[in-house]
Protein backbone atom coordinates (compact mmCIF):
# COMPACT_ATOMS: atom_id res chain seq x y z
CA UNK A 1 17.14 40.18 9.41
CA UNK A 2 14.84 38.17 7.15
CA UNK A 3 17.04 38.84 4.12
CA UNK A 4 20.04 37.52 6.06
CA UNK A 5 18.13 34.36 6.97
CA UNK A 6 17.04 33.88 3.36
CA UNK A 7 20.59 34.29 2.12
CA UNK A 8 21.75 31.71 4.66
CA UNK A 9 19.17 29.24 3.32
CA UNK A 10 20.17 29.95 -0.26
CA UNK A 11 23.80 29.29 0.59
CA UNK A 12 23.08 25.66 1.47
CA UNK A 13 22.17 23.30 -1.39
CA UNK A 14 19.18 21.17 -0.48
CA UNK A 15 17.84 17.78 -1.55
CA UNK A 16 14.48 17.64 -3.29
CA UNK A 17 11.50 16.42 -1.27
CA UNK A 18 9.06 13.88 -2.71
CA UNK A 19 6.24 11.62 -1.59
CA UNK A 20 5.73 8.04 -2.77
CA UNK A 21 2.60 5.99 -2.22
CA UNK A 22 2.26 2.30 -1.53
CA UNK A 23 -1.37 1.85 -2.60
CA UNK A 24 -2.34 -1.69 -1.64
CA UNK A 25 -5.21 -4.07 -2.09
CA UNK A 26 -5.84 -7.81 -1.97
CA UNK A 27 -7.26 -9.29 -5.18
CA UNK A 28 -7.48 -12.94 -6.22
CA UNK A 29 -5.90 -13.93 -2.93
CA UNK A 30 -2.77 -11.88 -3.59
CA UNK A 31 -1.36 -8.74 -2.00
CA UNK A 32 -1.03 -6.19 -4.79
CA UNK A 33 0.31 -2.66 -5.23
CA UNK A 34 -0.45 0.04 -7.76
CA UNK A 35 2.44 0.78 -10.11
CA UNK A 36 2.96 3.47 -12.74
CA UNK A 37 5.16 3.23 -15.84
CA UNK A 38 8.49 5.04 -16.00
CA UNK A 39 9.70 6.33 -19.34
CA UNK A 40 13.19 6.78 -17.91
CA UNK A 41 13.58 3.21 -16.69
CA UNK A 42 17.11 2.91 -18.05
CA UNK A 43 18.13 5.83 -15.83
CA UNK A 44 16.24 5.04 -12.62
CA UNK A 45 16.74 1.28 -12.63
CA UNK A 46 13.29 0.01 -13.60
CA UNK A 47 10.31 0.76 -15.80
CA UNK A 48 7.74 0.51 -12.97
CA UNK A 49 7.44 2.50 -9.77
CA UNK A 50 5.03 3.36 -7.00
CA UNK A 51 3.01 6.50 -7.72
CA UNK A 52 4.70 9.60 -6.39
CA UNK A 53 5.69 13.17 -7.02
CA UNK A 54 7.66 16.11 -5.74
CA UNK A 55 6.28 18.27 -2.94
CA UNK A 56 5.46 21.69 -4.34
CA UNK A 57 6.59 24.92 -2.74
CA UNK A 58 4.01 25.96 -0.14
CA UNK A 59 2.53 22.45 0.00
CA UNK A 60 2.69 20.06 2.94
CA UNK A 61 3.64 16.41 2.36
CA UNK A 62 0.08 15.37 3.25
CA UNK A 63 -1.34 17.79 0.68
CA UNK A 64 1.07 16.35 -1.87
CA UNK A 65 -0.18 12.84 -1.07
CA UNK A 66 -3.80 13.86 -1.67
CA UNK A 67 -2.84 15.56 -4.93
CA UNK A 68 -0.88 12.55 -6.19
CA UNK A 69 -3.67 10.16 -5.19
CA UNK A 70 -6.22 12.21 -7.09
CA UNK A 71 -4.14 13.04 -10.15
CA UNK A 72 -2.58 9.63 -10.73
CA UNK A 73 -5.32 7.25 -9.56
CA UNK A 74 -8.54 9.23 -9.17
CA UNK A 75 -8.73 8.26 -5.49
CA UNK A 76 -10.12 10.77 -3.02
CA UNK A 77 -10.95 10.46 0.66
CA UNK A 78 -8.57 7.54 1.19
CA UNK A 79 -7.00 6.98 4.61
CA UNK A 80 -3.22 6.95 4.46
CA UNK A 81 -0.46 6.76 7.04
CA UNK A 82 3.23 7.51 6.95
CA UNK A 83 5.51 4.50 6.57
CA UNK A 84 9.03 5.96 6.71
CA UNK A 85 11.38 8.49 5.15
CA UNK A 86 14.04 7.36 2.68
CA UNK A 87 16.92 9.73 2.12
CA UNK A 88 20.05 7.90 0.97
CA UNK A 89 21.92 10.38 -1.27
CA UNK A 90 22.25 7.79 -4.05
CA UNK A 91 18.70 6.38 -3.99
CA UNK A 92 17.76 8.42 -7.08
CA UNK A 93 20.32 8.55 -9.92
CA UNK A 94 18.96 11.94 -11.00
CA UNK A 95 20.02 13.65 -7.77
CA UNK A 96 19.53 13.71 -4.02
CA UNK A 97 15.81 13.13 -3.43
CA UNK A 98 14.36 12.51 0.02
CA UNK A 99 11.06 10.62 -0.18
CA UNK A 100 8.40 10.35 2.51
CA UNK A 101 6.54 7.11 1.84
CA UNK A 102 2.88 6.69 2.74
CA UNK A 103 0.77 3.56 2.94
CA UNK A 104 -2.82 3.55 1.65
CA UNK A 105 -5.12 0.52 1.68
CA UNK A 106 -8.11 0.33 -0.66
CA UNK A 107 -10.62 -2.54 -1.01
CA UNK A 108 -10.36 -4.30 -4.37
CA UNK A 109 -13.97 -3.51 -5.21
CA UNK A 110 -13.16 0.19 -5.19
CA UNK A 111 -9.65 0.11 -6.62
CA UNK A 112 -9.97 -2.29 -9.56
CA UNK A 113 -12.50 -0.20 -11.55
CA UNK A 114 -10.29 2.87 -11.13
CA UNK A 115 -7.23 0.99 -12.36
CA UNK A 116 -9.14 -0.26 -15.39
CA UNK A 117 -10.06 3.30 -16.30
CA UNK A 118 -6.55 4.75 -15.97
CA UNK A 119 -4.25 3.82 -18.88
CA UNK A 120 -0.75 3.04 -17.67
CA UNK A 121 -1.70 2.12 -14.13
CA UNK A 122 -1.30 -1.52 -13.20
CA UNK A 123 -1.61 -3.81 -10.21
CA UNK A 124 1.38 -5.99 -9.44
CA UNK A 125 1.54 -8.90 -7.04
CA UNK A 126 3.93 -8.31 -4.15
CA UNK A 127 6.01 -11.31 -3.08
CA UNK A 128 8.75 -11.74 -0.49
CA UNK A 129 11.03 -14.72 0.11
CA UNK A 130 11.44 -14.18 3.85
CA UNK A 131 9.20 -15.39 6.68
CA UNK A 132 7.37 -13.39 9.32
CA UNK A 133 8.83 -9.95 9.98
CA UNK A 134 12.38 -10.84 8.96
CA UNK A 135 12.45 -8.04 6.40
CA UNK A 136 14.11 -7.62 3.03
CA UNK A 137 13.20 -6.49 -0.47
CA UNK A 138 9.99 -7.44 -2.23
CA UNK A 139 9.47 -8.54 -5.82
CA UNK A 140 6.72 -7.10 -8.01
CA UNK A 141 5.08 -9.68 -10.28
CA UNK A 142 2.96 -9.28 -13.39
CA UNK A 143 -0.14 -11.36 -14.14
CA UNK A 144 2.04 -14.16 -15.52
CA UNK A 145 4.24 -14.27 -12.42
CA UNK A 146 7.24 -12.62 -14.08
CA UNK A 147 9.29 -10.16 -12.05
CA UNK A 148 8.91 -6.47 -12.87
CA UNK A 149 12.02 -4.30 -12.50
CA UNK A 150 11.26 -1.53 -10.01
CA UNK A 151 12.81 1.93 -10.12
CA UNK A 152 14.84 3.58 -7.37
CA UNK A 153 14.70 1.72 -4.03
CA UNK A 154 11.07 0.74 -4.41
CA UNK A 155 11.76 -3.00 -4.03
CA UNK A 156 13.21 -2.32 -0.59
CA UNK A 157 10.36 0.05 0.28
CA UNK A 158 7.69 -2.50 -0.67
CA UNK A 159 9.52 -5.03 1.49
CA UNK A 160 9.23 -2.59 4.39
CA UNK A 161 5.53 -2.24 3.59
CA UNK A 162 4.99 -5.99 3.90
CA UNK A 163 6.93 -6.06 7.17
CA UNK A 164 4.82 -3.19 8.55
CA UNK A 165 1.56 -4.87 7.53
CA UNK A 166 2.54 -8.16 9.12
CA UNK A 167 3.52 -6.41 12.32
CA UNK A 168 0.20 -4.57 12.57
CA UNK A 169 -2.15 -7.29 11.38
CA UNK A 170 -3.00 -8.92 14.71
CA UNK A 171 -3.12 -5.86 16.92
CA UNK A 172 -4.70 -3.17 14.74
CA UNK A 173 -7.72 -3.21 12.41
CA UNK A 174 -5.60 -2.57 9.31
CA UNK A 175 -6.62 -5.90 7.78
CA UNK A 176 -10.23 -4.74 7.64
CA UNK A 177 -9.23 -1.79 5.44
CA UNK A 178 -8.73 -4.33 2.64
CA UNK A 179 -12.34 -5.52 3.00
CA UNK A 180 -15.72 -4.09 2.07
CA UNK A 181 -17.83 -2.82 4.97
CA UNK A 182 -19.71 -6.13 5.05
CA UNK A 183 -17.46 -9.15 4.59
CA UNK A 184 -17.36 -12.89 5.06
CA UNK A 185 -14.94 -14.65 7.37
CA UNK A 186 -13.55 -16.37 4.29
CA UNK A 187 -12.68 -12.98 2.79
CA UNK A 188 -11.04 -11.90 6.04
CA UNK A 189 -8.93 -15.06 6.06
CA UNK A 190 -7.90 -14.51 2.43
CA UNK A 191 -6.62 -11.03 3.33
CA UNK A 192 -4.58 -12.35 6.26
CA UNK A 193 -3.14 -15.19 4.19
CA UNK A 194 -2.19 -12.81 1.36
CA UNK A 195 -0.34 -10.51 3.75
CA UNK A 196 1.31 -13.26 5.80
CA UNK A 197 2.22 -15.33 2.75
CA UNK A 198 1.01 -18.62 4.23
CA UNK A 199 -2.13 -20.67 4.73
CA UNK A 200 -4.02 -20.45 8.02
CA UNK A 201 -6.14 -23.06 9.78
CA UNK A 202 -9.76 -21.90 9.54
CA UNK A 203 -10.98 -22.67 13.11
CA UNK A 204 -7.92 -21.13 14.77
CA UNK A 205 -8.04 -18.06 12.54
CA UNK A 206 -11.70 -17.40 13.28
CA UNK A 207 -11.22 -17.74 17.03
CA UNK A 208 -8.25 -15.38 16.94
CA UNK A 209 -10.08 -12.84 14.78
CA UNK A 210 -13.08 -12.79 17.13
CA UNK A 211 -10.85 -12.55 20.21
CA UNK A 212 -8.84 -9.59 18.95
CA UNK A 213 -11.32 -7.54 16.95
CA UNK A 214 -14.93 -6.47 17.62
CA UNK A 215 -16.62 -8.19 14.69
CA UNK A 216 -20.32 -8.99 14.62
CA UNK A 217 -22.58 -11.11 12.43
CA UNK A 218 -25.16 -9.06 10.53
CA UNK A 219 -27.71 -11.79 9.77
CA UNK A 220 -27.23 -11.05 6.07
CA UNK A 221 -25.65 -13.37 3.52
CA UNK A 222 -23.50 -12.88 0.45
CA UNK A 223 -24.97 -13.39 -3.01
CA UNK A 224 -24.83 -16.98 -4.32
CA UNK A 225 -21.70 -17.76 -6.30
CA UNK A 226 -18.84 -20.23 -6.39
CA UNK A 227 -19.21 -20.82 -2.65
CA UNK A 228 -22.21 -21.60 -0.49
CA UNK A 229 -23.55 -18.17 0.59
CA UNK A 230 -21.78 -17.22 3.81
CA UNK A 231 -22.94 -14.87 6.52
CA UNK A 232 -21.71 -11.30 6.34
CA UNK A 233 -19.88 -9.66 9.23
CA UNK A 234 -18.91 -6.11 10.06
CA UNK A 235 -16.29 -4.45 12.23
CA UNK A 236 -17.89 -2.66 15.15
CA UNK A 237 -16.42 0.49 16.70
CA UNK A 238 -14.10 -0.48 19.53
CA UNK A 239 -16.31 1.29 22.09
CA UNK A 240 -19.38 -0.84 21.35
């Protein structure tokens, strides 16, 4: 019986299964994503792409995500969540590849040193020209503000990432994943502005943040720098 079932499977050509990772941070007031170089840019439509890889036989998609995170960025123990599955037959010129895309958020203080130590990895600014949760493709920008051609359908995927982040920002704690454990209200506002793509009024933002999330002052202050030292806050567990 098993041999019959195996022969039935073999008789049906199958698409390849891959995972792609939108690894995000906010640095210098800008939403940024990790990109890897593509040596086959002329074939796949761009010389930059989100990190990703094929799911190995006997491996779950989540195991593949952890492997890709470790092998391509050196990141371990990072929280990630599934964004969506992309399976258009023509999304990859090399063949029919179905990709499960995952979203991972890493504070800049942790991510930037890893990027600096990994030749080929880069951080690109992510910009969209649509307001709110309208949706549409995103543009990846280099440090000079020039557009980077993205492979496959990754411009559309990163647009979906921005839309998802904007939709979750007010009602989930995802914005705090961009921040260190202790943060200033200024840093929290910078994260929200980077994701929303617009400036926010400070008093209204702080009231809204305190109303919707269990943040608490720690009595500690940031180190002196360009700004007057501000008090540090932390996100409390929802049950407290």
